[in-house]
Amino acid sequence: MLRRMTVWDTNIAALDGSPFDLSSLSGEAVLVVNVASRCGLTPQYEGLESLQKRFGDKGFTVLGVPCNQFGGQEPGTPEEIQAFCSTTYGATFPLTEKVEVNGENRHPLYQQLTAVPDAAGEAGDVQWNFEKFLVSPEGEIVRRFRPRTEPESEEVVGAITSLLPA
């Protein structure tokens, strides 16, 4: 029987440029978020880290994906991004390489993610930094939350808890 391709089959690098095996997250619920250090929504890092601490030992992780496509709000080098995230917000969740989430150079991960509609039924381009995609432990994209949806909102937390192993 053929196995269906999932998010876990996509190649991406870690922030430091080394290979990041997305399949290592198989079996966990994952919140994929395009992040930026100089955005009005950057304080959402606090909520993302709170989710990581709250659910990290229950089969969940946040995956931060730096992106500089929105107002040039993630101009830093990998070292600067890592230092900012860990020093300013104490971020412990993994970060990938900086990628494009829209346009002809859209990363393959985001080709899959943006095909999924939000609650209003709209798929397509990421609107801004901090758009969130919830991926099931099986690698299926199950929910999409637009940028202004706070990480610790009932909507996001409820969706995460519904995917956690019993």
N, C-alpha and C. Protein backbone atom coordinates (compact mmCIF):
# COMPACT_ATOMS: atom_id res chain seq x y z
N MET A 1 0.85 -1.19 0.00
CA MET A 1 0.00 0.00 0.00
C MET A 1 0.89 1.25 0.00
N LEU A 2 0.58 2.20 -0.85
CA LEU A 2 1.36 3.43 -0.92
C LEU A 2 1.03 4.34 0.25
N ARG A 3 2.07 4.94 0.80
CA ARG A 3 1.90 5.88 1.89
C ARG A 3 1.75 7.28 1.31
N ARG A 4 0.79 8.03 1.84
CA ARG A 4 0.57 9.40 1.39
C ARG A 4 1.69 10.30 1.90
N MET A 5 2.12 11.25 1.05
CA MET A 5 3.12 12.23 1.47
C MET A 5 2.51 13.12 2.56
N THR A 6 3.33 13.50 3.51
CA THR A 6 2.90 14.40 4.58
C THR A 6 3.93 15.51 4.74
N VAL A 7 3.62 16.42 5.63
CA VAL A 7 4.55 17.50 5.96
C VAL A 7 5.90 16.93 6.37
N TRP A 8 5.89 15.77 7.03
CA TRP A 8 7.14 15.17 7.54
C TRP A 8 8.10 14.78 6.42
N ASP A 9 7.61 14.68 5.20
CA ASP A 9 8.45 14.29 4.06
C ASP A 9 9.18 15.48 3.42
N THR A 10 8.94 16.68 3.92
CA THR A 10 9.52 17.90 3.34
C THR A 10 10.92 18.15 3.89
N ASN A 11 11.82 18.60 3.03
CA ASN A 11 13.17 18.94 3.47
C ASN A 11 13.26 20.41 3.83
N ILE A 12 13.91 20.69 4.96
CA ILE A 12 14.17 22.06 5.39
C ILE A 12 15.42 22.02 6.25
N ALA A 13 16.10 23.13 6.34
CA ALA A 13 17.30 23.19 7.18
C ALA A 13 16.96 23.83 8.52
N ALA A 14 17.76 23.52 9.52
CA ALA A 14 17.65 24.18 10.81
C ALA A 14 18.20 25.60 10.66
N LEU A 15 17.99 26.42 11.66
CA LEU A 15 18.45 27.80 11.60
C LEU A 15 19.95 27.89 11.37
N ASP A 16 20.70 26.95 11.92
CA ASP A 16 22.16 26.98 11.76
C ASP A 16 22.63 26.42 10.41
N GLY A 17 21.68 26.03 9.55
CA GLY A 17 22.02 25.52 8.23
C GLY A 17 22.16 24.01 8.15
N SER A 18 22.18 23.34 9.28
CA SER A 18 22.27 21.88 9.26
C SER A 18 20.92 21.29 8.86
N PRO A 19 20.90 20.06 8.36
CA PRO A 19 19.62 19.46 7.98
C PRO A 19 18.70 19.34 9.19
N PHE A 20 17.43 19.61 8.98
CA PHE A 20 16.42 19.44 10.03
C PHE A 20 15.45 18.40 9.53
N ASP A 21 15.38 17.30 10.22
CA ASP A 21 14.53 16.19 9.81
C ASP A 21 13.13 16.38 10.37
N LEU A 22 12.22 16.89 9.54
CA LEU A 22 10.85 17.11 10.01
C LEU A 22 10.21 15.82 10.49
N SER A 23 10.64 14.69 9.94
CA SER A 23 10.05 13.42 10.38
C SER A 23 10.38 13.13 11.85
N SER A 24 11.37 13.83 12.41
CA SER A 24 11.66 13.67 13.83
C SER A 24 10.51 14.20 14.69
N LEU A 25 9.62 15.00 14.09
CA LEU A 25 8.46 15.53 14.80
C LEU A 25 7.23 14.64 14.61
N SER A 26 7.36 13.60 13.80
CA SER A 26 6.26 12.66 13.60
C SER A 26 5.82 12.12 14.95
N GLY A 27 4.52 12.04 15.15
CA GLY A 27 3.99 11.56 16.42
C GLY A 27 3.68 12.70 17.38
N GLU A 28 4.01 13.93 16.99
CA GLU A 28 3.71 15.10 17.82
C GLU A 28 2.77 16.03 17.06
N ALA A 29 1.98 16.78 17.79
CA ALA A 29 1.24 17.88 17.20
C ALA A 29 2.23 19.03 17.08
N VAL A 30 2.23 19.73 15.95
CA VAL A 30 3.22 20.79 15.71
C VAL A 30 2.50 22.04 15.24
N LEU A 31 2.85 23.17 15.86
CA LEU A 31 2.34 24.46 15.42
C LEU A 31 3.45 25.15 14.65
N VAL A 32 3.29 25.23 13.32
CA VAL A 32 4.29 25.85 12.45
C VAL A 32 3.93 27.33 12.33
N VAL A 33 4.90 28.19 12.63
CA VAL A 33 4.64 29.64 12.66
C VAL A 33 5.75 30.37 11.93
N ASN A 34 5.39 31.23 10.95
CA ASN A 34 6.42 32.07 10.34
C ASN A 34 6.65 33.26 11.27
N VAL A 35 7.88 33.38 11.73
CA VAL A 35 8.22 34.34 12.78
C VAL A 35 9.11 35.46 12.26
N ALA A 36 9.12 36.57 13.00
CA ALA A 36 9.96 37.72 12.67
C ALA A 36 10.28 38.48 13.95
N SER A 37 11.49 39.00 14.03
CA SER A 37 11.97 39.66 15.24
C SER A 37 11.57 41.12 15.37
N ARG A 38 11.19 41.76 14.27
CA ARG A 38 10.93 43.20 14.30
C ARG A 38 9.53 43.55 13.83
N CYS A 39 8.56 42.79 14.29
CA CYS A 39 7.17 42.93 13.86
C CYS A 39 6.33 43.36 15.06
N GLY A 40 5.24 44.04 14.78
CA GLY A 40 4.32 44.39 15.86
C GLY A 40 3.74 43.17 16.56
N LEU A 41 3.77 42.02 15.88
CA LEU A 41 3.25 40.78 16.46
C LEU A 41 4.35 39.95 17.14
N THR A 42 5.59 40.45 17.13
CA THR A 42 6.71 39.70 17.72
C THR A 42 6.45 39.28 19.17
N PRO A 43 5.74 40.06 19.98
CA PRO A 43 5.45 39.58 21.35
C PRO A 43 4.72 38.24 21.40
N GLN A 44 4.19 37.77 20.25
CA GLN A 44 3.58 36.43 20.25
C GLN A 44 4.60 35.34 20.56
N TYR A 45 5.89 35.64 20.43
CA TYR A 45 6.92 34.67 20.84
C TYR A 45 6.67 34.22 22.28
N GLU A 46 6.23 35.15 23.13
CA GLU A 46 5.97 34.82 24.53
C GLU A 46 4.90 33.74 24.63
N GLY A 47 3.80 33.91 23.90
CA GLY A 47 2.73 32.92 23.91
C GLY A 47 3.16 31.60 23.29
N LEU A 48 3.97 31.67 22.24
CA LEU A 48 4.46 30.44 21.61
C LEU A 48 5.33 29.65 22.59
N GLU A 49 6.21 30.35 23.31
CA GLU A 49 7.07 29.67 24.28
C GLU A 49 6.22 29.12 25.44
N SER A 50 5.18 29.84 25.81
CA SER A 50 4.29 29.35 26.86
C SER A 50 3.62 28.04 26.43
N LEU A 51 3.17 27.98 25.17
CA LEU A 51 2.59 26.73 24.64
C LEU A 51 3.62 25.61 24.67
N GLN A 52 4.86 25.93 24.28
CA GLN A 52 5.92 24.93 24.27
C GLN A 52 6.13 24.37 25.67
N LYS A 53 6.18 25.24 26.66
CA LYS A 53 6.39 24.79 28.04
C LYS A 53 5.18 24.01 28.56
N ARG A 54 3.99 24.46 28.20
CA ARG A 54 2.76 23.84 28.70
C ARG A 54 2.53 22.46 28.12
N PHE A 55 2.81 22.28 26.82
CA PHE A 55 2.47 21.04 26.14
C PHE A 55 3.67 20.25 25.61
N GLY A 56 4.87 20.79 25.75
CA GLY A 56 6.06 20.16 25.17
C GLY A 56 6.31 18.74 25.61
N ASP A 57 5.95 18.43 26.85
CA ASP A 57 6.16 17.06 27.34
C ASP A 57 4.93 16.18 27.13
N LYS A 58 3.96 16.71 26.38
CA LYS A 58 2.72 15.96 26.13
C LYS A 58 2.56 15.61 24.65
N GLY A 59 3.64 15.73 23.87
CA GLY A 59 3.54 15.38 22.46
C GLY A 59 3.25 16.56 21.56
N PHE A 60 3.83 17.71 21.86
CA PHE A 60 3.60 18.93 21.10
C PHE A 60 4.90 19.71 20.96
N THR A 61 5.04 20.41 19.84
CA THR A 61 6.12 21.38 19.70
C THR A 61 5.70 22.52 18.79
N VAL A 62 6.30 23.67 19.05
CA VAL A 62 6.21 24.82 18.16
C VAL A 62 7.39 24.70 17.21
N LEU A 63 7.20 25.04 15.95
CA LEU A 63 8.29 25.10 14.98
C LEU A 63 8.28 26.51 14.39
N GLY A 64 9.30 27.29 14.74
CA GLY A 64 9.42 28.65 14.24
C GLY A 64 10.14 28.68 12.90
N VAL A 65 9.56 29.39 11.94
CA VAL A 65 10.12 29.48 10.59
C VAL A 65 10.36 30.96 10.27
N PRO A 66 11.58 31.45 10.47
CA PRO A 66 11.86 32.86 10.19
C PRO A 66 11.59 33.21 8.72
N CYS A 67 11.04 34.41 8.53
CA CYS A 67 10.70 34.88 7.19
C CYS A 67 10.88 36.40 7.15
N ASN A 68 11.50 36.89 6.08
CA ASN A 68 11.77 38.31 5.93
C ASN A 68 10.92 38.94 4.82
N GLN A 69 9.81 38.29 4.43
CA GLN A 69 9.01 38.77 3.31
C GLN A 69 8.03 39.87 3.65
N PHE A 70 7.80 40.13 4.90
CA PHE A 70 6.78 41.10 5.30
C PHE A 70 7.46 42.32 5.93
N GLY A 71 7.65 43.35 5.13
CA GLY A 71 8.23 44.58 5.63
C GLY A 71 9.68 44.46 6.07
N GLY A 72 10.39 43.42 5.61
CA GLY A 72 11.79 43.24 6.00
C GLY A 72 11.95 43.13 7.51
N GLN A 73 11.00 42.47 8.18
CA GLN A 73 10.99 42.44 9.64
C GLN A 73 11.79 41.30 10.26
N GLU A 74 12.49 40.52 9.44
CA GLU A 74 13.40 39.49 9.95
C GLU A 74 14.70 39.57 9.16
N PRO A 75 15.45 40.68 9.32
CA PRO A 75 16.65 40.88 8.52
C PRO A 75 17.89 40.18 9.07
N GLY A 76 17.81 39.65 10.27
CA GLY A 76 19.00 39.15 10.96
C GLY A 76 19.62 37.92 10.34
N THR A 77 20.88 37.70 10.75
CA THR A 77 21.59 36.48 10.42
C THR A 77 21.03 35.36 11.30
N PRO A 78 21.31 34.11 10.96
CA PRO A 78 20.86 33.03 11.84
C PRO A 78 21.30 33.22 13.30
N GLU A 79 22.54 33.68 13.48
CA GLU A 79 23.05 33.88 14.85
C GLU A 79 22.26 34.97 15.57
N GLU A 80 21.95 36.05 14.85
CA GLU A 80 21.19 37.14 15.45
C GLU A 80 19.77 36.71 15.78
N ILE A 81 19.16 35.95 14.90
CA ILE A 81 17.80 35.46 15.14
C ILE A 81 17.79 34.56 16.37
N GLN A 82 18.73 33.61 16.44
CA GLN A 82 18.79 32.70 17.58
C GLN A 82 19.01 33.45 18.88
N ALA A 83 19.94 34.40 18.88
CA ALA A 83 20.22 35.18 20.08
C ALA A 83 18.99 35.97 20.52
N PHE A 84 18.31 36.60 19.56
CA PHE A 84 17.12 37.38 19.88
C PHE A 84 16.06 36.49 20.52
N CYS A 85 15.77 35.37 19.89
CA CYS A 85 14.70 34.48 20.36
C CYS A 85 15.00 33.92 21.75
N SER A 86 16.22 33.49 21.96
CA SER A 86 16.54 32.88 23.25
C SER A 86 16.72 33.92 24.35
N THR A 87 17.33 35.07 24.03
CA THR A 87 17.59 36.09 25.04
C THR A 87 16.32 36.88 25.38
N THR A 88 15.59 37.31 24.37
CA THR A 88 14.42 38.17 24.59
C THR A 88 13.21 37.39 25.08
N TYR A 89 12.98 36.20 24.52
CA TYR A 89 11.77 35.45 24.84
C TYR A 89 12.04 34.08 25.47
N GLY A 90 13.28 33.72 25.65
CA GLY A 90 13.59 32.42 26.23
C GLY A 90 13.11 31.26 25.39
N ALA A 91 13.02 31.48 24.08
CA ALA A 91 12.47 30.45 23.19
C ALA A 91 13.32 29.19 23.21
N THR A 92 12.65 28.07 23.46
CA THR A 92 13.34 26.77 23.48
C THR A 92 12.91 25.89 22.32
N PHE A 93 11.90 26.31 21.57
CA PHE A 93 11.41 25.50 20.46
C PHE A 93 12.35 25.63 19.26
N PRO A 94 12.33 24.64 18.36
CA PRO A 94 13.24 24.67 17.21
C PRO A 94 12.88 25.77 16.21
N LEU A 95 13.92 26.29 15.56
CA LEU A 95 13.78 27.28 14.50
C LEU A 95 14.43 26.72 13.24
N THR A 96 13.80 26.97 12.11
CA THR A 96 14.36 26.53 10.83
C THR A 96 15.15 27.66 10.19
N GLU A 97 15.68 27.35 9.03
CA GLU A 97 16.30 28.37 8.18
C GLU A 97 15.27 29.42 7.82
N LYS A 98 15.74 30.61 7.44
CA LYS A 98 14.85 31.66 6.96
C LYS A 98 14.38 31.28 5.56
N VAL A 99 13.06 31.32 5.34
CA VAL A 99 12.50 30.92 4.05
C VAL A 99 11.50 31.95 3.55
N GLU A 100 11.10 31.79 2.29
CA GLU A 100 10.00 32.56 1.73
C GLU A 100 8.74 31.72 1.86
N VAL A 101 7.66 32.36 2.32
CA VAL A 101 6.40 31.65 2.52
C VAL A 101 5.39 31.93 1.43
N ASN A 102 5.66 32.94 0.61
CA ASN A 102 4.79 33.32 -0.51
C ASN A 102 5.63 33.49 -1.77
N GLY A 103 4.96 33.54 -2.92
CA GLY A 103 5.64 33.85 -4.17
C GLY A 103 6.26 32.65 -4.86
N GLU A 104 6.97 32.94 -5.95
CA GLU A 104 7.52 31.85 -6.76
C GLU A 104 8.63 31.09 -6.06
N ASN A 105 9.26 31.67 -5.04
CA ASN A 105 10.29 30.98 -4.27
C ASN A 105 9.77 30.44 -2.95
N ARG A 106 8.45 30.27 -2.86
CA ARG A 106 7.83 29.73 -1.65
C ARG A 106 8.46 28.38 -1.33
N HIS A 107 8.84 28.21 -0.08
CA HIS A 107 9.44 26.94 0.35
C HIS A 107 8.43 25.81 0.20
N PRO A 108 8.88 24.60 -0.16
CA PRO A 108 7.96 23.46 -0.32
C PRO A 108 7.07 23.20 0.91
N LEU A 109 7.58 23.45 2.11
CA LEU A 109 6.74 23.29 3.30
C LEU A 109 5.54 24.21 3.21
N TYR A 110 5.78 25.45 2.81
CA TYR A 110 4.69 26.42 2.73
C TYR A 110 3.82 26.21 1.49
N GLN A 111 4.31 25.51 0.49
CA GLN A 111 3.45 25.12 -0.63
C GLN A 111 2.33 24.23 -0.11
N GLN A 112 2.69 23.34 0.82
CA GLN A 112 1.68 22.46 1.42
C GLN A 112 0.79 23.21 2.39
N LEU A 113 1.41 23.99 3.28
CA LEU A 113 0.65 24.67 4.33
C LEU A 113 -0.37 25.65 3.75
N THR A 114 0.02 26.43 2.75
CA THR A 114 -0.88 27.47 2.24
C THR A 114 -2.03 26.91 1.41
N ALA A 115 -1.99 25.63 1.10
CA ALA A 115 -3.10 24.99 0.39
C ALA A 115 -4.28 24.75 1.32
N VAL A 116 -4.06 24.88 2.63
CA VAL A 116 -5.09 24.61 3.62
C VAL A 116 -5.85 25.90 3.95
N PRO A 117 -7.18 25.85 3.92
CA PRO A 117 -7.96 27.05 4.23
C PRO A 117 -8.03 27.35 5.73
N ASP A 118 -8.27 28.63 6.04
CA ASP A 118 -8.50 29.02 7.43
C ASP A 118 -9.96 28.76 7.79
N ALA A 119 -10.40 29.22 8.95
CA ALA A 119 -11.77 28.97 9.41
C ALA A 119 -12.81 29.59 8.49
N ALA A 120 -12.43 30.65 7.78
CA ALA A 120 -13.36 31.31 6.85
C ALA A 120 -13.35 30.65 5.47
N GLY A 121 -12.55 29.60 5.32
CA GLY A 121 -12.50 28.88 4.05
C GLY A 121 -11.51 29.44 3.05
N GLU A 122 -10.63 30.36 3.48
CA GLU A 122 -9.67 30.97 2.59
C GLU A 122 -8.30 30.30 2.69
N ALA A 123 -7.84 29.78 1.56
CA ALA A 123 -6.49 29.23 1.47
C ALA A 123 -5.62 30.28 0.78
N GLY A 124 -4.41 29.90 0.42
CA GLY A 124 -3.56 30.82 -0.32
C GLY A 124 -2.51 31.48 0.54
N ASP A 125 -1.99 32.58 0.04
CA ASP A 125 -0.83 33.23 0.65
C ASP A 125 -0.98 33.49 2.15
N VAL A 126 0.17 33.41 2.81
CA VAL A 126 0.28 33.82 4.20
C VAL A 126 0.05 35.33 4.22
N GLN A 127 -0.76 35.80 5.17
CA GLN A 127 -1.10 37.23 5.22
C GLN A 127 0.00 38.10 5.81
N TRP A 128 0.70 37.59 6.83
CA TRP A 128 1.71 38.38 7.53
C TRP A 128 2.50 37.45 8.45
N ASN A 129 3.43 38.00 9.18
CA ASN A 129 4.19 37.23 10.16
C ASN A 129 3.24 36.63 11.21
N PHE A 130 3.65 35.51 11.76
CA PHE A 130 2.95 34.83 12.84
C PHE A 130 1.63 34.18 12.42
N GLU A 131 1.55 33.79 11.15
CA GLU A 131 0.43 32.92 10.73
C GLU A 131 0.79 31.52 11.23
N LYS A 132 -0.22 30.81 11.72
CA LYS A 132 0.02 29.54 12.40
C LYS A 132 -0.71 28.40 11.69
N PHE A 133 -0.02 27.27 11.57
CA PHE A 133 -0.59 26.07 10.97
C PHE A 133 -0.40 24.93 11.95
N LEU A 134 -1.47 24.24 12.28
CA LEU A 134 -1.40 23.12 13.20
C LEU A 134 -1.35 21.82 12.40
N VAL A 135 -0.33 21.03 12.69
CA VAL A 135 -0.09 19.76 12.00
C VAL A 135 -0.31 18.62 12.99
N SER A 136 -1.05 17.61 12.55
CA SER A 136 -1.35 16.47 13.42
C SER A 136 -0.11 15.59 13.60
N PRO A 137 -0.13 14.72 14.60
CA PRO A 137 0.99 13.79 14.79
C PRO A 137 1.27 12.92 13.55
N GLU A 138 0.28 12.76 12.68
CA GLU A 138 0.44 11.97 11.45
C GLU A 138 0.97 12.81 10.29
N GLY A 139 1.17 14.10 10.51
CA GLY A 139 1.71 14.96 9.46
C GLY A 139 0.67 15.63 8.58
N GLU A 140 -0.59 15.56 8.98
CA GLU A 140 -1.68 16.21 8.23
C GLU A 140 -1.88 17.63 8.75
N ILE A 141 -2.06 18.58 7.85
CA ILE A 141 -2.31 19.96 8.23
C ILE A 141 -3.79 20.06 8.58
N VAL A 142 -4.10 20.36 9.84
CA VAL A 142 -5.49 20.29 10.28
C VAL A 142 -6.13 21.65 10.56
N ARG A 143 -5.36 22.67 10.87
CA ARG A 143 -5.94 23.98 11.16
C ARG A 143 -4.99 25.08 10.72
N ARG A 144 -5.58 26.22 10.40
CA ARG A 144 -4.81 27.40 10.02
C ARG A 144 -5.37 28.58 10.81
N PHE A 145 -4.47 29.30 11.44
CA PHE A 145 -4.85 30.47 12.24
C PHE A 145 -4.13 31.69 11.68
N ARG A 146 -4.87 32.74 11.41
CA ARG A 146 -4.28 33.96 10.84
C ARG A 146 -3.42 34.68 11.88
N PRO A 147 -2.57 35.61 11.43
CA PRO A 147 -1.55 36.22 12.29
C PRO A 147 -2.05 36.82 13.60
N ARG A 148 -3.19 37.47 13.60
CA ARG A 148 -3.63 38.14 14.83
C ARG A 148 -4.24 37.19 15.86
N THR A 149 -4.41 35.92 15.51
CA THR A 149 -4.89 34.94 16.48
C THR A 149 -3.76 34.68 17.47
N GLU A 150 -4.01 35.00 18.73
CA GLU A 150 -2.98 34.84 19.76
C GLU A 150 -2.69 33.36 19.99
N PRO A 151 -1.41 33.02 20.20
CA PRO A 151 -1.05 31.61 20.41
C PRO A 151 -1.80 30.95 21.56
N GLU A 152 -2.09 31.70 22.61
CA GLU A 152 -2.75 31.10 23.77
C GLU A 152 -4.26 31.30 23.77
N SER A 153 -4.82 31.67 22.61
CA SER A 153 -6.28 31.81 22.52
C SER A 153 -6.94 30.45 22.72
N GLU A 154 -8.20 30.49 23.15
CA GLU A 154 -8.95 29.24 23.35
C GLU A 154 -9.00 28.42 22.07
N GLU A 155 -9.12 29.11 20.95
CA GLU A 155 -9.21 28.45 19.65
C GLU A 155 -7.95 27.61 19.36
N VAL A 156 -6.79 28.20 19.58
CA VAL A 156 -5.53 27.50 19.31
C VAL A 156 -5.29 26.41 20.36
N VAL A 157 -5.44 26.75 21.63
CA VAL A 157 -5.20 25.77 22.70
C VAL A 157 -6.14 24.57 22.56
N GLY A 158 -7.42 24.85 22.25
CA GLY A 158 -8.38 23.75 22.07
C GLY A 158 -7.99 22.83 20.92
N ALA A 159 -7.53 23.44 19.82
CA ALA A 159 -7.12 22.63 18.67
C ALA A 159 -5.89 21.79 19.01
N ILE A 160 -4.95 22.37 19.74
CA ILE A 160 -3.75 21.62 20.14
C ILE A 160 -4.13 20.46 21.04
N THR A 161 -4.91 20.72 22.09
CA THR A 161 -5.24 19.67 23.04
C THR A 161 -6.03 18.54 22.41
N SER A 162 -6.81 18.86 21.36
CA SER A 162 -7.58 17.80 20.69
C SER A 162 -6.67 16.82 19.94
N LEU A 163 -5.42 17.23 19.67
CA LEU A 163 -4.49 16.36 18.94
C LEU A 163 -3.49 15.63 19.82
N LEU A 164 -3.43 16.01 21.08
CA LEU A 164 -2.43 15.39 21.95
C LEU A 164 -2.80 13.94 22.25
N PRO A 165 -1.78 13.10 22.35
CA PRO A 165 -2.04 11.70 22.70
C PRO A 165 -2.76 11.62 24.05
N ALA A 166 -3.62 10.63 24.19
CA ALA A 166 -4.41 10.49 25.44
C ALA A 166 -3.53 10.23 26.64
